[in-house]
Amino acid sequence: MTARGKVVVYASGEGEEFRVGADRFLRKGDSAHRSEAFSVIECEGAAGIPGPPPHVHRSFEEAWFILEGEVAFTAEGRTIAAERGTFLFVPRGVAHTFRVVRERPARWLGIFSPGRFVGLVEELGPLMPLNGPPDMAAVGRLFAKYDTEMVPERP
């Protein structure tokens, strides 16, 4: 233990679980352990489900490291087939979206900096029902809370 806090360890498969629609997340730490510097979540994205609408984060960066499966990641007008071992960095202000491809789920680590912005994903869960469309007005308010906005898809 140091003056700054304690070491936090989560073994494989451990963490606080939450869901966004059919996707499963493990938060690797809780708010008491979260650093302003970054937060990490382990994501399991369901196959065959559309990803989020294209969006821009104005106040934070995110990075991904693909562990399993394949994710079609679209940014700046191009789509990348992100497979196991692929690292993606999304700077502030870059419009992007993603979806899991193939018939199996994909897994990746998501890293958010500053760390508090992982709250966008955590709070999105209750707004994304498994049956039926989400309340897009509520989603828009949540995005605004985290300085994120949906943007039109590029042709």
C-alpha atoms as a PDB file:
ATOM      1  CA  MET A   1       0.000   0.000   0.000  1.00  0.00           C
ATOM      2  CA  THR A   2       1.302   3.423  -0.894  1.00  0.00           C
ATOM      3  CA  ALA A   3       0.084   6.893  -0.093  1.00  0.00           C
ATOM      4  CA  ARG A   4      -1.660   6.918  -3.480  1.00  0.00           C
ATOM      5  CA  GLY A   5      -3.749   3.772  -2.951  1.00  0.00           C
ATOM      6  CA  LYS A   6      -3.573   0.040  -3.253  1.00  0.00           C
ATOM      7  CA  VAL A   7      -2.730  -2.334  -6.043  1.00  0.00           C
ATOM      8  CA  VAL A   8      -5.863  -3.764  -7.684  1.00  0.00           C
ATOM      9  CA  VAL A   9      -5.720  -7.236  -9.232  1.00  0.00           C
ATOM     10  CA  TYR A  10      -8.425  -8.999 -11.229  1.00  0.00           C
ATOM     11  CA  ALA A  11      -7.787 -12.496 -12.570  1.00  0.00           C
ATOM     12  CA  SER A  12      -9.030 -13.632 -15.963  1.00  0.00           C
ATOM     13  CA  GLY A  13     -12.815 -13.371 -16.064  1.00  0.00           C
ATOM     14  CA  GLU A  14     -13.020 -11.243 -12.916  1.00  0.00           C
ATOM     15  CA  GLY A  15     -14.442  -7.749 -12.606  1.00  0.00           C
ATOM     16  CA  GLU A  16     -17.782  -6.091 -12.025  1.00  0.00           C
ATOM     17  CA  GLU A  17     -20.167  -7.218 -14.768  1.00  0.00           C
ATOM     18  CA  PHE A  18     -22.599  -4.950 -16.577  1.00  0.00           C
ATOM     19  CA  ARG A  19     -24.440  -5.235 -19.888  1.00  0.00           C
ATOM     20  CA  VAL A  20     -25.348  -2.980 -22.772  1.00  0.00           C
ATOM     21  CA  GLY A  21     -28.009  -4.805 -24.742  1.00  0.00           C
ATOM     22  CA  ALA A  22     -26.557  -8.213 -25.664  1.00  0.00           C
ATOM     23  CA  ASP A  23     -22.954  -7.096 -24.991  1.00  0.00           C
ATOM     24  CA  ARG A  24     -21.225  -8.083 -21.739  1.00  0.00           C
ATOM     25  CA  PHE A  25     -18.619  -5.963 -19.939  1.00  0.00           C
ATOM     26  CA  LEU A  26     -16.317  -6.536 -16.979  1.00  0.00           C
ATOM     27  CA  ARG A  27     -15.132  -3.380 -15.286  1.00  0.00           C
ATOM     28  CA  LYS A  28     -11.612  -3.961 -14.038  1.00  0.00           C
ATOM     29  CA  GLY A  29     -12.051  -1.905 -10.877  1.00  0.00           C
ATOM     30  CA  ASP A  30     -14.780   0.198  -9.326  1.00  0.00           C
ATOM     31  CA  SER A  31     -15.130   3.918  -8.758  1.00  0.00           C
ATOM     32  CA  ALA A  32     -13.009   3.730  -5.615  1.00  0.00           C
ATOM     33  CA  HIS A  33     -10.116   2.326  -7.668  1.00  0.00           C
ATOM     34  CA  ARG A  34     -10.591   4.300 -10.858  1.00  0.00           C
ATOM     35  CA  SER A  35      -7.824   6.615 -11.796  1.00  0.00           C
ATOM     36  CA  GLU A  36      -8.449   9.929 -13.445  1.00  0.00           C
ATOM     37  CA  ALA A  37      -5.721   8.835 -15.858  1.00  0.00           C
ATOM     38  CA  PHE A  38      -7.566   5.821 -17.337  1.00  0.00           C
ATOM     39  CA  SER A  39     -10.129   3.035 -16.841  1.00  0.00           C
ATOM     40  CA  VAL A  40     -10.160  -0.436 -18.363  1.00  0.00           C
ATOM     41  CA  ILE A  41     -13.073  -2.679 -19.282  1.00  0.00           C
ATOM     42  CA  GLU A  42     -13.121  -6.117 -20.861  1.00  0.00           C
ATOM     43  CA  CYS A  43     -15.801  -6.256 -23.553  1.00  0.00           C
ATOM     44  CA  GLU A  44     -17.590  -9.191 -25.143  1.00  0.00           C
ATOM     45  CA  GLY A  45     -19.506  -7.938 -28.151  1.00  0.00           C
ATOM     46  CA  ALA A  46     -22.359 -10.099 -29.422  1.00  0.00           C
ATOM     47  CA  ALA A  47     -22.296 -11.246 -33.049  1.00  0.00           C
ATOM     48  CA  GLY A  48     -24.972 -10.086 -35.456  1.00  0.00           C
ATOM     49  CA  ILE A  49     -25.931  -6.968 -33.480  1.00  0.00           C
ATOM     50  CA  PRO A  50     -25.468  -3.503 -34.991  1.00  0.00           C
ATOM     51  CA  GLY A  51     -22.868  -1.384 -33.235  1.00  0.00           C
ATOM     52  CA  PRO A  52     -23.408   2.135 -31.948  1.00  0.00           C
ATOM     53  CA  PRO A  53     -24.234   4.975 -34.315  1.00  0.00           C
ATOM     54  CA  PRO A  54     -21.193   6.895 -35.526  1.00  0.00           C
ATOM     55  CA  HIS A  55     -20.131   9.216 -32.730  1.00  0.00           C
ATOM     56  CA  VAL A  56     -17.392  11.595 -31.573  1.00  0.00           C
ATOM     57  CA  HIS A  57     -15.895  11.886 -28.098  1.00  0.00           C
ATOM     58  CA  ARG A  58     -14.905  15.519 -27.482  1.00  0.00           C
ATOM     59  CA  SER A  59     -13.223  15.161 -24.077  1.00  0.00           C
ATOM     60  CA  PHE A  60     -11.628  11.728 -23.984  1.00  0.00           C
ATOM     61  CA  GLU A  61      -9.664   9.150 -25.912  1.00  0.00           C
ATOM     62  CA  GLU A  62     -10.299   5.459 -26.078  1.00  0.00           C
ATOM     63  CA  ALA A  63      -8.102   2.574 -27.081  1.00  0.00           C
ATOM     64  CA  TRP A  64      -8.939  -1.034 -27.866  1.00  0.00           C
ATOM     65  CA  PHE A  65      -6.944  -4.219 -27.917  1.00  0.00           C
ATOM     66  CA  ILE A  66      -8.710  -7.111 -29.666  1.00  0.00           C
ATOM     67  CA  LEU A  67      -8.423 -10.402 -27.764  1.00  0.00           C
ATOM     68  CA  GLU A  68     -10.686 -12.687 -29.851  1.00  0.00           C
ATOM     69  CA  GLY A  69     -12.944 -12.538 -32.878  1.00  0.00           C
ATOM     70  CA  GLU A  70     -13.210  -9.767 -35.431  1.00  0.00           C
ATOM     71  CA  VAL A  71     -14.533  -6.233 -35.127  1.00  0.00           C
ATOM     72  CA  ALA A  72     -15.232  -3.989 -38.131  1.00  0.00           C
ATOM     73  CA  PHE A  73     -14.026  -0.609 -36.909  1.00  0.00           C
ATOM     74  CA  THR A  74     -14.926   2.428 -39.014  1.00  0.00           C
ATOM     75  CA  ALA A  75     -13.269   5.832 -38.628  1.00  0.00           C
ATOM     76  CA  GLU A  76     -12.339   8.661 -40.952  1.00  0.00           C
ATOM     77  CA  GLY A  77     -14.171   7.054 -43.868  1.00  0.00           C
ATOM     78  CA  ARG A  78     -12.411   3.696 -43.773  1.00  0.00           C
ATOM     79  CA  THR A  79     -13.208   0.344 -42.195  1.00  0.00           C
ATOM     80  CA  ILE A  80     -10.548  -1.809 -40.568  1.00  0.00           C
ATOM     81  CA  ALA A  81     -11.012  -5.540 -39.943  1.00  0.00           C
ATOM     82  CA  ALA A  82      -9.640  -5.644 -36.392  1.00  0.00           C
ATOM     83  CA  GLU A  83      -8.692  -9.184 -35.388  1.00  0.00           C
ATOM     84  CA  ARG A  84      -6.846 -10.753 -32.455  1.00  0.00           C
ATOM     85  CA  GLY A  85      -3.802  -8.683 -31.529  1.00  0.00           C
ATOM     86  CA  THR A  86      -5.003  -5.472 -33.225  1.00  0.00           C
ATOM     87  CA  PHE A  87      -4.583  -2.252 -31.250  1.00  0.00           C
ATOM     88  CA  LEU A  88      -6.790   0.749 -32.066  1.00  0.00           C
ATOM     89  CA  PHE A  89      -6.424   4.260 -30.668  1.00  0.00           C
ATOM     90  CA  VAL A  90      -9.296   6.743 -31.098  1.00  0.00           C
ATOM     91  CA  PRO A  91      -8.233  10.354 -30.471  1.00  0.00           C
ATOM     92  CA  ARG A  92     -10.676  12.991 -29.287  1.00  0.00           C
ATOM     93  CA  GLY A  93     -12.760  14.417 -32.107  1.00  0.00           C
ATOM     94  CA  VAL A  94     -12.588  11.416 -34.477  1.00  0.00           C
ATOM     95  CA  ALA A  95     -15.958  10.046 -35.621  1.00  0.00           C
ATOM     96  CA  HIS A  96     -16.106   6.267 -35.323  1.00  0.00           C
ATOM     97  CA  THR A  97     -18.306   3.220 -34.951  1.00  0.00           C
ATOM     98  CA  PHE A  98     -17.851  -0.552 -34.826  1.00  0.00           C
ATOM     99  CA  ARG A  99     -19.645  -3.871 -35.044  1.00  0.00           C
ATOM    100  CA  VAL A 100     -18.745  -7.478 -34.390  1.00  0.00           C
ATOM    101  CA  VAL A 101     -18.487  -9.517 -37.583  1.00  0.00           C
ATOM    102  CA  ARG A 102     -18.704 -13.258 -38.167  1.00  0.00           C
ATOM    103  CA  GLU A 103     -20.922 -15.648 -36.229  1.00  0.00           C
ATOM    104  CA  ARG A 104     -19.081 -15.545 -32.899  1.00  0.00           C
ATOM    105  CA  PRO A 105     -18.734 -12.855 -30.252  1.00  0.00           C
ATOM    106  CA  ALA A 106     -15.559 -10.791 -30.127  1.00  0.00           C
ATOM    107  CA  ARG A 107     -13.620  -9.787 -27.021  1.00  0.00           C
ATOM    108  CA  TRP A 108     -11.460  -6.727 -26.486  1.00  0.00           C
ATOM    109  CA  LEU A 109     -10.050  -4.484 -23.800  1.00  0.00           C
ATOM    110  CA  GLY A 110     -11.369  -0.932 -23.816  1.00  0.00           C
ATOM    111  CA  ILE A 111      -9.251   1.799 -22.244  1.00  0.00           C
ATOM    112  CA  PHE A 112     -10.668   5.257 -21.506  1.00  0.00           C
ATOM    113  CA  SER A 113      -8.665   8.372 -20.693  1.00  0.00           C
ATOM    114  CA  PRO A 114      -9.589  10.276 -18.551  1.00  0.00           C
ATOM    115  CA  GLY A 115     -10.974   7.294 -16.655  1.00  0.00           C
ATOM    116  CA  ARG A 116     -14.307   8.801 -15.588  1.00  0.00           C
ATOM    117  CA  PHE A 117     -15.576   8.646 -19.165  1.00  0.00           C
ATOM    118  CA  VAL A 118     -16.048   4.872 -18.915  1.00  0.00           C
ATOM    119  CA  GLY A 119     -19.291   5.967 -17.218  1.00  0.00           C
ATOM    120  CA  LEU A 120     -20.757   6.542 -20.694  1.00  0.00           C
ATOM    121  CA  VAL A 121     -20.650   2.804 -21.403  1.00  0.00           C
ATOM    122  CA  GLU A 122     -21.752   1.831 -17.890  1.00  0.00           C
ATOM    123  CA  GLU A 123     -24.778   4.137 -17.914  1.00  0.00           C
ATOM    124  CA  LEU A 124     -25.779   3.151 -21.442  1.00  0.00           C
ATOM    125  CA  GLY A 125     -26.860  -0.347 -20.346  1.00  0.00           C
ATOM    126  CA  PRO A 126     -30.280   0.509 -18.901  1.00  0.00           C
ATOM    127  CA  LEU A 127     -31.108   2.535 -22.036  1.00  0.00           C
ATOM    128  CA  MET A 128     -30.511  -0.402 -24.418  1.00  0.00           C
ATOM    129  CA  PRO A 129     -33.320  -2.980 -24.122  1.00  0.00           C
ATOM    130  CA  LEU A 130     -32.845  -6.458 -25.593  1.00  0.00           C
ATOM    131  CA  ASN A 131     -36.265  -6.254 -27.234  1.00  0.00           C
ATOM    132  CA  GLY A 132     -37.139  -3.076 -29.051  1.00  0.00           C
ATOM    133  CA  PRO A 133     -35.384   0.122 -29.954  1.00  0.00           C
ATOM    134  CA  PRO A 134     -33.629   2.334 -27.416  1.00  0.00           C
ATOM    135  CA  ASP A 135     -34.996   5.699 -26.367  1.00  0.00           C
ATOM    136  CA  MET A 136     -32.707   7.761 -28.595  1.00  0.00           C
ATOM    137  CA  ALA A 137     -33.585  11.006 -26.798  1.00  0.00           C
ATOM    138  CA  ALA A 138     -32.322   9.481 -23.530  1.00  0.00           C
ATOM    139  CA  VAL A 139     -29.235   8.130 -25.310  1.00  0.00           C
ATOM    140  CA  GLY A 140     -28.588  11.617 -26.729  1.00  0.00           C
ATOM    141  CA  ARG A 141     -28.815  13.155 -23.230  1.00  0.00           C
ATOM    142  CA  LEU A 142     -26.384  10.559 -21.876  1.00  0.00           C
ATOM    143  CA  PHE A 143     -23.973  11.205 -24.743  1.00  0.00           C
ATOM    144  CA  ALA A 144     -24.168  14.944 -24.016  1.00  0.00           C
ATOM    145  CA  LYS A 145     -23.399  14.305 -20.329  1.00  0.00           C
ATOM    146  CA  TYR A 146     -20.145  12.654 -21.460  1.00  0.00           C
ATOM    147  CA  ASP A 147     -19.340  15.247 -24.132  1.00  0.00           C
ATOM    148  CA  THR A 148     -20.073  12.792 -26.951  1.00  0.00           C
ATOM    149  CA  GLU A 149     -22.278  13.352 -29.960  1.00  0.00           C
ATOM    150  CA  MET A 150     -23.774  11.186 -32.668  1.00  0.00           C
ATOM    151  CA  VAL A 151     -22.757  12.211 -36.160  1.00  0.00           C
ATOM    152  CA  PRO A 152     -24.151  11.349 -39.608  1.00  0.00           C
ATOM    153  CA  GLU A 153     -22.641   8.345 -41.362  1.00  0.00           C
ATOM    154  CA  ARG A 154     -20.282   9.146 -44.191  1.00  0.00           C
ATOM    155  CA  PRO A 155     -21.270   7.715 -47.574  1.00  0.00           C
END
